[in-house]
Amino acid sequence: STSKMENVPAWERQQIRTFTGWVNSRLVPAEFDPMDEEKLAQEMGPRLVDVVKSITGKETRLERGKMKIHKVMNYNKLLDVFKEEGVRQVGVSGENLFDQDRKSILALVWSWIQFFDVQEVVFEEDGKTKTAKEGLQIWCAKMTRGLVDPEIGKKFKRDWASGQAFLALLHRYPGRSLVDRDVVDAAGAAESVEDKIK
């Protein structure tokens, strides 16, 4: 049978694999079945109650109906648990989960990773307390200095979305350059990232 991931770009397949692995790292220790990375978008809605319990330890009273309106209402109730924890889930709703919107679901998982893993890690630098995310931005800015916008730390999302920051890091890879300088400067960075992952 044809894999549901067959037509998904390589970089996105890797993201799905990584994010599914993170979700499973929470589900399995809580004695829930792991998710299938090829069915992440299909499973996230029905399994959201397990995800909420495994990550937050909280249980939510859900509607009994099986119609779309009941499912969307339940998904929104479960998403509200994360909001109450302080997670910013911008632009993601129960409708996205019901529609099995892969990009919205990946954005949702990323918001959990940032809040429950990355944001929780803090360290000291120059006498100031910084989060792991801030530390990663500082490291990326240092590693890519002279190759991309020096403000990469402040424009993290844009530079990663374009692929330019990732290519610049490959160019700086210790010991050998995996990417030519002209590729880093090229406009089609996202396509180049796809080639490098393949």
N, C-alpha and C. Protein backbone atom coordinates (compact mmCIF):
# COMPACT_ATOMS: atom_id res chain seq x y z
N SER A 1 0.84 -1.19 0.00
CA SER A 1 0.00 0.00 0.00
C SER A 1 0.88 1.24 0.00
N THR A 2 0.36 2.33 -0.55
CA THR A 2 1.11 3.56 -0.65
C THR A 2 1.16 4.27 0.69
N SER A 3 2.36 4.71 1.09
CA SER A 3 2.52 5.43 2.34
C SER A 3 1.85 6.79 2.26
N LYS A 4 1.20 7.20 3.36
CA LYS A 4 0.58 8.51 3.41
C LYS A 4 1.62 9.60 3.39
N MET A 5 2.89 9.26 3.65
CA MET A 5 3.97 10.24 3.72
C MET A 5 4.70 10.37 2.38
N GLU A 6 4.32 9.55 1.41
CA GLU A 6 5.07 9.47 0.16
C GLU A 6 5.21 10.82 -0.54
N ASN A 7 4.14 11.62 -0.54
CA ASN A 7 4.17 12.90 -1.24
C ASN A 7 4.50 14.07 -0.34
N VAL A 8 4.90 13.79 0.89
CA VAL A 8 5.27 14.86 1.83
C VAL A 8 6.76 15.17 1.63
N PRO A 9 7.15 16.47 1.54
CA PRO A 9 8.56 16.82 1.36
C PRO A 9 9.44 16.20 2.43
N ALA A 10 10.69 15.91 2.08
CA ALA A 10 11.61 15.23 3.00
C ALA A 10 11.79 15.99 4.31
N TRP A 11 11.93 17.31 4.24
CA TRP A 11 12.14 18.08 5.47
C TRP A 11 10.92 18.00 6.39
N GLU A 12 9.72 17.95 5.77
CA GLU A 12 8.51 17.87 6.58
C GLU A 12 8.33 16.46 7.17
N ARG A 13 8.75 15.44 6.42
CA ARG A 13 8.71 14.08 6.95
C ARG A 13 9.58 13.97 8.20
N GLN A 14 10.75 14.62 8.12
CA GLN A 14 11.66 14.59 9.27
C GLN A 14 11.05 15.31 10.46
N GLN A 15 10.37 16.42 10.18
CA GLN A 15 9.70 17.17 11.25
C GLN A 15 8.59 16.33 11.89
N ILE A 16 7.81 15.66 11.05
CA ILE A 16 6.73 14.80 11.55
C ILE A 16 7.30 13.67 12.41
N ARG A 17 8.39 13.07 11.94
CA ARG A 17 9.02 11.97 12.68
C ARG A 17 9.51 12.45 14.05
N THR A 18 10.17 13.60 14.05
CA THR A 18 10.70 14.16 15.29
C THR A 18 9.59 14.54 16.26
N PHE A 19 8.56 15.20 15.74
CA PHE A 19 7.47 15.66 16.60
C PHE A 19 6.65 14.47 17.14
N THR A 20 6.45 13.45 16.29
CA THR A 20 5.73 12.26 16.76
C THR A 20 6.54 11.57 17.86
N GLY A 21 7.86 11.54 17.67
CA GLY A 21 8.73 10.96 18.69
C GLY A 21 8.61 11.68 20.01
N TRP A 22 8.50 13.01 19.95
CA TRP A 22 8.36 13.80 21.19
C TRP A 22 7.03 13.47 21.87
N VAL A 23 5.95 13.44 21.09
CA VAL A 23 4.63 13.12 21.66
C VAL A 23 4.66 11.73 22.29
N ASN A 24 5.27 10.78 21.60
CA ASN A 24 5.34 9.41 22.13
C ASN A 24 6.20 9.33 23.39
N SER A 25 7.18 10.23 23.49
CA SER A 25 8.02 10.24 24.69
C SER A 25 7.23 10.65 25.93
N ARG A 26 6.08 11.26 25.70
CA ARG A 26 5.17 11.61 26.80
C ARG A 26 4.09 10.54 26.97
N LEU A 27 3.60 10.03 25.87
CA LEU A 27 2.51 9.04 25.93
C LEU A 27 2.96 7.72 26.56
N VAL A 28 4.06 7.17 26.08
CA VAL A 28 4.48 5.83 26.49
C VAL A 28 4.79 5.72 27.99
N PRO A 29 5.54 6.68 28.58
CA PRO A 29 5.78 6.57 30.03
C PRO A 29 4.49 6.66 30.85
N ALA A 30 3.45 7.30 30.26
CA ALA A 30 2.16 7.40 30.95
C ALA A 30 1.28 6.19 30.65
N GLU A 31 1.88 5.19 29.99
CA GLU A 31 1.21 3.92 29.68
C GLU A 31 0.08 4.06 28.65
N PHE A 32 0.27 4.99 27.70
CA PHE A 32 -0.64 5.09 26.56
C PHE A 32 0.07 4.53 25.34
N ASP A 33 -0.69 4.05 24.37
CA ASP A 33 -0.10 3.54 23.13
C ASP A 33 0.57 4.68 22.36
N PRO A 34 1.69 4.40 21.70
CA PRO A 34 2.35 5.44 20.90
C PRO A 34 1.56 5.75 19.63
N MET A 35 1.81 6.90 19.07
CA MET A 35 1.18 7.28 17.81
C MET A 35 2.03 6.80 16.64
N ASP A 36 1.39 6.60 15.51
CA ASP A 36 2.06 6.23 14.27
C ASP A 36 2.41 7.52 13.54
N GLU A 37 3.70 7.73 13.24
CA GLU A 37 4.10 8.99 12.59
C GLU A 37 3.40 9.21 11.25
N GLU A 38 3.04 8.13 10.57
CA GLU A 38 2.37 8.28 9.28
C GLU A 38 0.91 8.68 9.44
N LYS A 39 0.41 8.60 10.68
CA LYS A 39 -1.00 8.93 10.91
C LYS A 39 -1.14 10.04 11.96
N LEU A 40 -0.09 10.84 12.13
CA LEU A 40 -0.11 11.87 13.17
C LEU A 40 -1.32 12.80 13.01
N ALA A 41 -1.56 13.27 11.80
CA ALA A 41 -2.67 14.20 11.57
C ALA A 41 -4.02 13.55 11.84
N GLN A 42 -4.15 12.27 11.48
CA GLN A 42 -5.42 11.57 11.68
C GLN A 42 -5.65 11.21 13.15
N GLU A 43 -4.56 10.90 13.86
CA GLU A 43 -4.68 10.43 15.24
C GLU A 43 -4.72 11.53 16.29
N MET A 44 -4.19 12.71 15.97
CA MET A 44 -4.03 13.73 17.00
C MET A 44 -5.35 14.12 17.65
N GLY A 45 -6.41 14.30 16.85
CA GLY A 45 -7.70 14.66 17.43
C GLY A 45 -8.22 13.60 18.38
N PRO A 46 -8.44 12.36 17.89
CA PRO A 46 -8.96 11.30 18.76
C PRO A 46 -8.05 10.98 19.96
N ARG A 47 -6.73 11.20 19.80
CA ARG A 47 -5.80 10.87 20.88
C ARG A 47 -5.46 12.08 21.77
N LEU A 48 -6.08 13.22 21.48
CA LEU A 48 -5.71 14.44 22.22
C LEU A 48 -5.97 14.30 23.72
N VAL A 49 -7.02 13.56 24.08
CA VAL A 49 -7.31 13.37 25.50
C VAL A 49 -6.16 12.63 26.19
N ASP A 50 -5.54 11.67 25.50
CA ASP A 50 -4.38 10.95 26.06
C ASP A 50 -3.17 11.88 26.15
N VAL A 51 -3.00 12.70 25.12
CA VAL A 51 -1.86 13.63 25.09
C VAL A 51 -1.95 14.62 26.26
N VAL A 52 -3.15 15.17 26.45
CA VAL A 52 -3.36 16.12 27.55
C VAL A 52 -3.05 15.47 28.89
N LYS A 53 -3.57 14.26 29.10
CA LYS A 53 -3.35 13.55 30.38
C LYS A 53 -1.87 13.25 30.59
N SER A 54 -1.20 12.80 29.52
CA SER A 54 0.21 12.40 29.67
C SER A 54 1.14 13.60 29.90
N ILE A 55 0.79 14.76 29.33
CA ILE A 55 1.66 15.94 29.47
C ILE A 55 1.33 16.75 30.71
N THR A 56 0.04 16.97 30.97
CA THR A 56 -0.35 17.85 32.07
C THR A 56 -0.82 17.10 33.31
N GLY A 57 -1.19 15.83 33.13
CA GLY A 57 -1.72 15.06 34.25
C GLY A 57 -3.17 15.36 34.55
N LYS A 58 -3.80 16.18 33.71
CA LYS A 58 -5.18 16.60 33.96
C LYS A 58 -6.17 15.80 33.11
N GLU A 59 -7.34 15.58 33.68
CA GLU A 59 -8.43 14.93 32.96
C GLU A 59 -9.51 15.96 32.65
N THR A 60 -10.17 15.78 31.52
CA THR A 60 -11.17 16.75 31.07
C THR A 60 -12.50 16.05 30.80
N ARG A 61 -13.58 16.64 31.30
CA ARG A 61 -14.92 16.09 31.04
C ARG A 61 -15.33 16.45 29.62
N LEU A 62 -15.62 15.44 28.81
CA LEU A 62 -15.92 15.65 27.40
C LEU A 62 -17.38 15.36 27.08
N GLU A 63 -17.82 15.92 25.95
CA GLU A 63 -19.18 15.68 25.46
C GLU A 63 -19.29 14.24 24.97
N ARG A 64 -20.47 13.64 25.09
CA ARG A 64 -20.67 12.25 24.71
C ARG A 64 -20.96 12.06 23.22
N GLY A 65 -21.48 13.08 22.54
CA GLY A 65 -21.89 12.93 21.15
C GLY A 65 -20.76 12.59 20.20
N LYS A 66 -21.10 12.05 19.04
CA LYS A 66 -20.10 11.66 18.05
C LYS A 66 -20.17 12.49 16.77
N MET A 67 -21.04 13.51 16.77
CA MET A 67 -21.15 14.38 15.60
C MET A 67 -19.96 15.35 15.56
N LYS A 68 -19.77 15.99 14.42
CA LYS A 68 -18.66 16.92 14.27
C LYS A 68 -18.68 17.99 15.35
N ILE A 69 -19.85 18.57 15.62
CA ILE A 69 -19.94 19.65 16.60
C ILE A 69 -19.46 19.20 17.98
N HIS A 70 -19.73 17.95 18.33
CA HIS A 70 -19.30 17.42 19.62
C HIS A 70 -17.77 17.21 19.63
N LYS A 71 -17.26 16.68 18.55
CA LYS A 71 -15.82 16.43 18.47
C LYS A 71 -15.02 17.73 18.52
N VAL A 72 -15.46 18.73 17.74
CA VAL A 72 -14.76 20.02 17.72
C VAL A 72 -14.82 20.66 19.11
N MET A 73 -15.97 20.57 19.76
CA MET A 73 -16.12 21.12 21.10
C MET A 73 -15.17 20.44 22.08
N ASN A 74 -15.05 19.13 21.97
CA ASN A 74 -14.14 18.39 22.86
C ASN A 74 -12.69 18.74 22.59
N TYR A 75 -12.33 18.86 21.31
CA TYR A 75 -10.95 19.23 20.98
C TYR A 75 -10.62 20.61 21.55
N ASN A 76 -11.56 21.55 21.43
CA ASN A 76 -11.33 22.89 21.96
C ASN A 76 -11.19 22.88 23.48
N LYS A 77 -12.00 22.04 24.15
CA LYS A 77 -11.88 21.91 25.60
C LYS A 77 -10.49 21.41 25.99
N LEU A 78 -10.00 20.44 25.24
CA LEU A 78 -8.68 19.87 25.53
C LEU A 78 -7.57 20.88 25.23
N LEU A 79 -7.72 21.64 24.16
CA LEU A 79 -6.73 22.68 23.85
C LEU A 79 -6.73 23.75 24.93
N ASP A 80 -7.90 23.99 25.52
CA ASP A 80 -7.99 24.99 26.59
C ASP A 80 -7.17 24.59 27.81
N VAL A 81 -7.00 23.29 28.02
CA VAL A 81 -6.18 22.83 29.14
C VAL A 81 -4.75 23.34 28.97
N PHE A 82 -4.25 23.27 27.74
CA PHE A 82 -2.90 23.76 27.48
C PHE A 82 -2.83 25.28 27.64
N LYS A 83 -3.88 25.97 27.19
CA LYS A 83 -3.91 27.44 27.35
C LYS A 83 -3.86 27.82 28.82
N GLU A 84 -4.58 27.06 29.65
CA GLU A 84 -4.57 27.33 31.09
C GLU A 84 -3.19 27.11 31.69
N GLU A 85 -2.40 26.24 31.05
CA GLU A 85 -1.03 26.00 31.51
C GLU A 85 -0.10 27.13 31.09
N GLY A 86 -0.57 27.94 30.12
CA GLY A 86 0.24 29.05 29.63
C GLY A 86 0.82 28.85 28.25
N VAL A 87 0.42 27.76 27.57
CA VAL A 87 0.94 27.47 26.23
C VAL A 87 0.26 28.39 25.21
N ARG A 88 1.05 29.02 24.35
CA ARG A 88 0.50 29.86 23.28
C ARG A 88 0.28 28.99 22.04
N GLN A 89 -0.96 28.77 21.69
CA GLN A 89 -1.32 27.92 20.55
C GLN A 89 -2.01 28.80 19.49
N VAL A 90 -1.25 29.70 18.93
CA VAL A 90 -1.81 30.71 18.03
C VAL A 90 -2.39 30.08 16.76
N GLY A 91 -3.64 30.39 16.48
CA GLY A 91 -4.25 29.98 15.21
C GLY A 91 -4.61 28.51 15.09
N VAL A 92 -4.59 27.76 16.19
CA VAL A 92 -4.93 26.34 16.14
C VAL A 92 -6.22 26.12 16.93
N SER A 93 -7.18 25.44 16.32
CA SER A 93 -8.47 25.21 16.97
C SER A 93 -8.92 23.77 16.79
N GLY A 94 -10.03 23.45 17.42
CA GLY A 94 -10.62 22.13 17.28
C GLY A 94 -10.96 21.80 15.84
N GLU A 95 -11.32 22.81 15.07
CA GLU A 95 -11.63 22.62 13.64
C GLU A 95 -10.42 22.07 12.90
N ASN A 96 -9.23 22.60 13.20
CA ASN A 96 -8.01 22.12 12.55
C ASN A 96 -7.76 20.66 12.86
N LEU A 97 -8.02 20.26 14.08
CA LEU A 97 -7.83 18.86 14.47
C LEU A 97 -8.86 17.97 13.78
N PHE A 98 -10.10 18.41 13.72
CA PHE A 98 -11.14 17.63 13.05
C PHE A 98 -10.82 17.48 11.57
N ASP A 99 -10.30 18.55 10.96
CA ASP A 99 -9.97 18.53 9.53
C ASP A 99 -8.65 17.82 9.23
N GLN A 100 -7.95 17.39 10.28
CA GLN A 100 -6.66 16.70 10.14
C GLN A 100 -5.65 17.56 9.39
N ASP A 101 -5.65 18.85 9.75
CA ASP A 101 -4.76 19.84 9.13
C ASP A 101 -3.34 19.62 9.63
N ARG A 102 -2.51 18.98 8.81
CA ARG A 102 -1.17 18.57 9.23
C ARG A 102 -0.30 19.75 9.68
N LYS A 103 -0.32 20.84 8.93
CA LYS A 103 0.55 21.98 9.27
C LYS A 103 0.14 22.60 10.61
N SER A 104 -1.17 22.71 10.83
CA SER A 104 -1.64 23.27 12.11
C SER A 104 -1.28 22.34 13.27
N ILE A 105 -1.37 21.04 13.02
CA ILE A 105 -1.06 20.07 14.08
C ILE A 105 0.43 20.08 14.40
N LEU A 106 1.27 20.23 13.39
CA LEU A 106 2.71 20.34 13.63
C LEU A 106 3.03 21.61 14.41
N ALA A 107 2.33 22.70 14.07
CA ALA A 107 2.52 23.96 14.80
C ALA A 107 2.10 23.79 16.26
N LEU A 108 1.04 23.02 16.46
CA LEU A 108 0.53 22.76 17.81
C LEU A 108 1.56 21.99 18.63
N VAL A 109 2.09 20.92 18.05
CA VAL A 109 3.10 20.12 18.76
C VAL A 109 4.33 20.96 19.07
N TRP A 110 4.73 21.81 18.12
CA TRP A 110 5.90 22.67 18.33
C TRP A 110 5.67 23.62 19.51
N SER A 111 4.43 24.11 19.66
CA SER A 111 4.12 24.99 20.79
C SER A 111 4.28 24.23 22.11
N TRP A 112 3.93 22.94 22.11
CA TRP A 112 4.10 22.13 23.33
C TRP A 112 5.58 21.91 23.62
N ILE A 113 6.34 21.58 22.58
CA ILE A 113 7.78 21.34 22.76
C ILE A 113 8.45 22.59 23.33
N GLN A 114 8.12 23.74 22.74
CA GLN A 114 8.72 24.99 23.21
C GLN A 114 8.38 25.24 24.68
N PHE A 115 7.14 25.02 25.05
CA PHE A 115 6.70 25.35 26.41
C PHE A 115 7.18 24.33 27.43
N PHE A 116 6.99 23.05 27.14
CA PHE A 116 7.26 22.02 28.14
C PHE A 116 8.70 21.53 28.16
N ASP A 117 9.45 21.77 27.10
CA ASP A 117 10.85 21.34 27.08
C ASP A 117 11.79 22.53 26.97
N VAL A 118 11.75 23.22 25.83
CA VAL A 118 12.71 24.29 25.55
C VAL A 118 12.58 25.43 26.55
N GLN A 119 11.35 25.89 26.79
CA GLN A 119 11.14 27.05 27.65
C GLN A 119 11.52 26.79 29.10
N GLU A 120 11.42 25.51 29.51
CA GLU A 120 11.70 25.18 30.91
C GLU A 120 13.19 25.19 31.22
N VAL A 121 14.02 25.02 30.21
CA VAL A 121 15.46 24.96 30.42
C VAL A 121 16.01 26.37 30.52
N VAL A 122 16.68 26.69 31.61
CA VAL A 122 17.27 28.02 31.78
C VAL A 122 18.75 27.88 32.14
N PHE A 123 19.50 28.92 31.78
CA PHE A 123 20.92 28.92 32.11
C PHE A 123 21.38 30.37 32.27
N GLU A 124 22.57 30.52 32.78
CA GLU A 124 23.12 31.85 33.02
C GLU A 124 24.15 32.18 31.94
N GLU A 125 24.09 33.40 31.43
CA GLU A 125 25.13 33.89 30.51
C GLU A 125 25.32 35.37 30.77
N ASP A 126 26.57 35.75 31.06
CA ASP A 126 26.89 37.15 31.36
C ASP A 126 26.03 37.69 32.51
N GLY A 127 25.76 36.81 33.48
CA GLY A 127 25.00 37.24 34.64
C GLY A 127 23.50 37.35 34.42
N LYS A 128 23.03 36.96 33.21
CA LYS A 128 21.60 37.05 32.91
C LYS A 128 21.01 35.66 32.70
N THR A 129 19.79 35.47 33.17
CA THR A 129 19.10 34.19 33.00
C THR A 129 18.46 34.15 31.62
N LYS A 130 18.74 33.08 30.88
CA LYS A 130 18.18 32.93 29.54
C LYS A 130 17.53 31.56 29.40
N THR A 131 16.52 31.48 28.52
CA THR A 131 15.90 30.19 28.23
C THR A 131 16.73 29.46 27.19
N ALA A 132 16.47 28.17 27.05
CA ALA A 132 17.19 27.38 26.05
C ALA A 132 16.93 27.93 24.64
N LYS A 133 15.69 28.40 24.40
CA LYS A 133 15.38 28.97 23.08
C LYS A 133 16.24 30.18 22.80
N GLU A 134 16.40 31.05 23.80
CA GLU A 134 17.24 32.23 23.62
C GLU A 134 18.70 31.82 23.40
N GLY A 135 19.12 30.77 24.14
CA GLY A 135 20.48 30.28 23.97
C GLY A 135 20.71 29.73 22.58
N LEU A 136 19.70 29.02 22.04
CA LEU A 136 19.81 28.48 20.69
C LEU A 136 19.90 29.60 19.66
N GLN A 137 19.14 30.66 19.87
CA GLN A 137 19.18 31.80 18.96
C GLN A 137 20.56 32.47 18.99
N ILE A 138 21.13 32.60 20.19
CA ILE A 138 22.46 33.20 20.33
C ILE A 138 23.50 32.35 19.62
N TRP A 139 23.42 31.03 19.83
CA TRP A 139 24.37 30.11 19.19
C TRP A 139 24.26 30.19 17.67
N CYS A 140 23.02 30.17 17.16
CA CYS A 140 22.81 30.24 15.70
C CYS A 140 23.35 31.55 15.15
N ALA A 141 23.14 32.64 15.87
CA ALA A 141 23.62 33.95 15.41
C ALA A 141 25.14 33.95 15.32
N LYS A 142 25.80 33.33 16.32
CA LYS A 142 27.27 33.26 16.31
C LYS A 142 27.77 32.38 15.18
N MET A 143 27.15 31.22 14.99
CA MET A 143 27.58 30.26 13.98
C MET A 143 27.38 30.77 12.55
N THR A 144 26.38 31.62 12.36
CA THR A 144 26.04 32.07 11.00
C THR A 144 26.46 33.51 10.74
N ARG A 145 27.24 34.08 11.65
CA ARG A 145 27.66 35.47 11.50
C ARG A 145 28.39 35.67 10.17
N GLY A 146 27.98 36.68 9.43
CA GLY A 146 28.60 36.97 8.14
C GLY A 146 27.95 36.26 6.98
N LEU A 147 27.04 35.31 7.28
CA LEU A 147 26.38 34.55 6.21
C LEU A 147 24.92 34.95 6.03
N VAL A 148 24.26 35.23 7.13
CA VAL A 148 22.85 35.62 7.06
C VAL A 148 22.65 36.89 7.88
N ASP A 149 21.45 37.39 7.86
CA ASP A 149 21.09 38.59 8.61
C ASP A 149 21.61 38.48 10.04
N PRO A 150 22.42 39.46 10.49
CA PRO A 150 22.95 39.39 11.86
C PRO A 150 21.86 39.43 12.92
N GLU A 151 20.65 39.78 12.52
CA GLU A 151 19.53 39.82 13.46
C GLU A 151 18.79 38.50 13.51
N ILE A 152 19.43 37.42 13.06
CA ILE A 152 18.77 36.12 12.99
C ILE A 152 18.12 35.73 14.32
N GLY A 153 18.76 36.11 15.43
CA GLY A 153 18.21 35.78 16.73
C GLY A 153 16.85 36.40 16.97
N LYS A 154 16.60 37.56 16.33
CA LYS A 154 15.34 38.25 16.51
C LYS A 154 14.33 37.88 15.43
N LYS A 155 14.81 37.25 14.37
CA LYS A 155 13.93 36.89 13.25
C LYS A 155 14.03 35.38 13.00
N PHE A 156 14.03 34.65 14.09
CA PHE A 156 14.27 33.22 14.08
C PHE A 156 13.31 32.49 13.16
N LYS A 157 12.01 32.74 13.33
CA LYS A 157 10.99 32.02 12.58
C LYS A 157 11.14 32.25 11.07
N ARG A 158 11.38 33.52 10.67
CA ARG A 158 11.50 33.83 9.26
C ARG A 158 12.70 33.13 8.62
N ASP A 159 13.86 33.21 9.28
CA ASP A 159 15.08 32.64 8.70
C ASP A 159 15.04 31.12 8.64
N TRP A 160 14.38 30.48 9.61
CA TRP A 160 14.25 29.03 9.55
C TRP A 160 13.23 28.63 8.51
N ALA A 161 12.16 29.41 8.38
CA ALA A 161 11.12 29.09 7.39
C ALA A 161 11.68 29.17 5.98
N SER A 162 12.57 30.12 5.73
CA SER A 162 13.15 30.29 4.39
C SER A 162 14.20 29.22 4.09
N GLY A 163 14.73 28.59 5.14
CA GLY A 163 15.78 27.59 4.93
C GLY A 163 17.18 28.16 4.97
N GLN A 164 17.30 29.50 4.97
CA GLN A 164 18.61 30.13 4.89
C GLN A 164 19.46 29.86 6.13
N ALA A 165 18.84 29.91 7.30
CA ALA A 165 19.60 29.70 8.53
C ALA A 165 20.14 28.27 8.60
N PHE A 166 19.32 27.30 8.20
CA PHE A 166 19.74 25.90 8.22
C PHE A 166 20.94 25.68 7.29
N LEU A 167 20.88 26.24 6.10
CA LEU A 167 21.97 26.10 5.14
C LEU A 167 23.24 26.77 5.65
N ALA A 168 23.07 27.92 6.32
CA ALA A 168 24.24 28.62 6.86
C ALA A 168 24.93 27.77 7.93
N LEU A 169 24.14 27.08 8.75
CA LEU A 169 24.73 26.20 9.77
C LEU A 169 25.47 25.03 9.13
N LEU A 170 24.92 24.49 8.05
CA LEU A 170 25.61 23.41 7.33
C LEU A 170 26.92 23.92 6.74
N HIS A 171 26.92 25.17 6.27
CA HIS A 171 28.14 25.76 5.70
C HIS A 171 29.22 25.89 6.78
N ARG A 172 28.80 26.15 8.00
CA ARG A 172 29.73 26.34 9.12
C ARG A 172 30.08 25.03 9.82
N TYR A 173 29.55 23.91 9.34
CA TYR A 173 29.73 22.63 10.02
C TYR A 173 31.21 22.37 10.28
N PRO A 174 31.60 22.13 11.55
CA PRO A 174 33.02 21.96 11.91
C PRO A 174 33.72 20.89 11.08
N GLY A 175 34.88 21.24 10.58
CA GLY A 175 35.71 20.27 9.87
C GLY A 175 35.53 20.27 8.36
N ARG A 176 34.29 20.50 7.90
CA ARG A 176 34.08 20.52 6.47
C ARG A 176 32.80 21.27 6.16
N SER A 177 32.82 21.98 5.04
CA SER A 177 31.63 22.73 4.65
C SER A 177 30.71 21.84 3.82
N LEU A 178 29.49 21.68 4.27
CA LEU A 178 28.52 20.82 3.58
C LEU A 178 27.75 21.58 2.51
N VAL A 179 27.84 22.92 2.55
CA VAL A 179 27.09 23.75 1.61
C VAL A 179 27.98 24.88 1.13
N ASP A 180 27.99 25.17 -0.16
CA ASP A 180 28.77 26.27 -0.71
C ASP A 180 28.16 27.60 -0.30
N ARG A 181 29.02 28.61 -0.20
CA ARG A 181 28.55 29.95 0.21
C ARG A 181 27.48 30.49 -0.74
N ASP A 182 27.63 30.23 -2.04
CA ASP A 182 26.66 30.78 -2.99
C ASP A 182 25.28 30.14 -2.82
N VAL A 183 25.25 28.91 -2.29
CA VAL A 183 23.95 28.26 -2.03
C VAL A 183 23.25 28.94 -0.87
N VAL A 184 24.04 29.33 0.15
CA VAL A 184 23.48 30.03 1.30
C VAL A 184 22.86 31.35 0.87
N ASP A 185 23.51 32.02 -0.07
CA ASP A 185 23.05 33.33 -0.53
C ASP A 185 21.89 33.23 -1.50
N ALA A 186 21.65 32.03 -2.07
CA ALA A 186 20.64 31.88 -3.11
C ALA A 186 19.23 32.07 -2.57
N ALA A 187 18.32 32.47 -3.46
CA ALA A 187 16.94 32.75 -3.07
C ALA A 187 16.18 31.48 -2.72
N GLY A 188 16.46 30.39 -3.45
CA GLY A 188 15.69 29.16 -3.26
C GLY A 188 16.22 28.30 -2.15
N ALA A 189 16.37 28.89 -0.97
CA ALA A 189 16.97 28.16 0.16
C ALA A 189 16.17 26.93 0.56
N ALA A 190 14.85 27.06 0.57
CA ALA A 190 14.01 25.94 1.01
C ALA A 190 14.20 24.72 0.12
N GLU A 191 14.34 24.94 -1.20
CA GLU A 191 14.56 23.83 -2.12
C GLU A 191 15.93 23.21 -1.87
N SER A 192 16.92 24.04 -1.55
CA SER A 192 18.27 23.54 -1.27
C SER A 192 18.28 22.68 -0.01
N VAL A 193 17.51 23.08 0.99
CA VAL A 193 17.40 22.30 2.22
C VAL A 193 16.85 20.93 1.89
N GLU A 194 15.82 20.89 1.06
CA GLU A 194 15.21 19.63 0.62
C GLU A 194 16.25 18.71 0.01
N ASP A 195 17.12 19.27 -0.87
CA ASP A 195 18.16 18.49 -1.53
C ASP A 195 19.15 17.94 -0.51
N LYS A 196 19.54 18.77 0.48
CA LYS A 196 20.55 18.35 1.45
C LYS A 196 20.02 17.23 2.34
N ILE A 197 18.74 17.30 2.71
CA ILE A 197 18.17 16.24 3.55
C ILE A 197 18.11 14.93 2.78
N LYS A 198 17.76 15.02 1.49
CA LYS A 198 17.72 13.80 0.68
C LYS A 198 19.10 13.18 0.59
